[in-house]
Amino acid sequence: ELLRREGEEAPAVGHFVFLGAPGTGKTTVARVMSAVLYRLDLIPRDHLVQTSGLDLTGQYVGETKRKVKEELDRAKGGVLFVDEAYELASGQYGKEAVTALVDAMTSEEYAGLCV
């Protein structure tokens, strides 16, 4: 609000990586971050979609891209939290999912979405 009163625009929100062993609070931090970003008017919706690396990968050509797009669309304007993202590091379909996520991070269609 202060920025608007002074005629300034809010800074662009980047994307985040939370590292840590299981049980260290990464999911909790992502939920809190989502609420904070919304309250600061940095994202348009107070909305977090939690998915996993396995949920984003398909089993046949074309399925992965569709799954990633569905999750991105569900999270539009909010935060997409990819739990167990290390699952994306293996196999052809994991790499396809990473490519689709990176493309979305720079796409106008998903402006305002934080991954």
Foldseek 3Di string as FASTA:
>chain_A
DVCVVVVHDDDADAADDDDDDPPPCPVVVLLVVQVVCVVVVNFVDSDEAEEELVQQFDDDPPPNLVSLVVQLVVQARTEYHYPPLVNLVDDDRSVVNVVSVVVLSPDPVRRRYYD
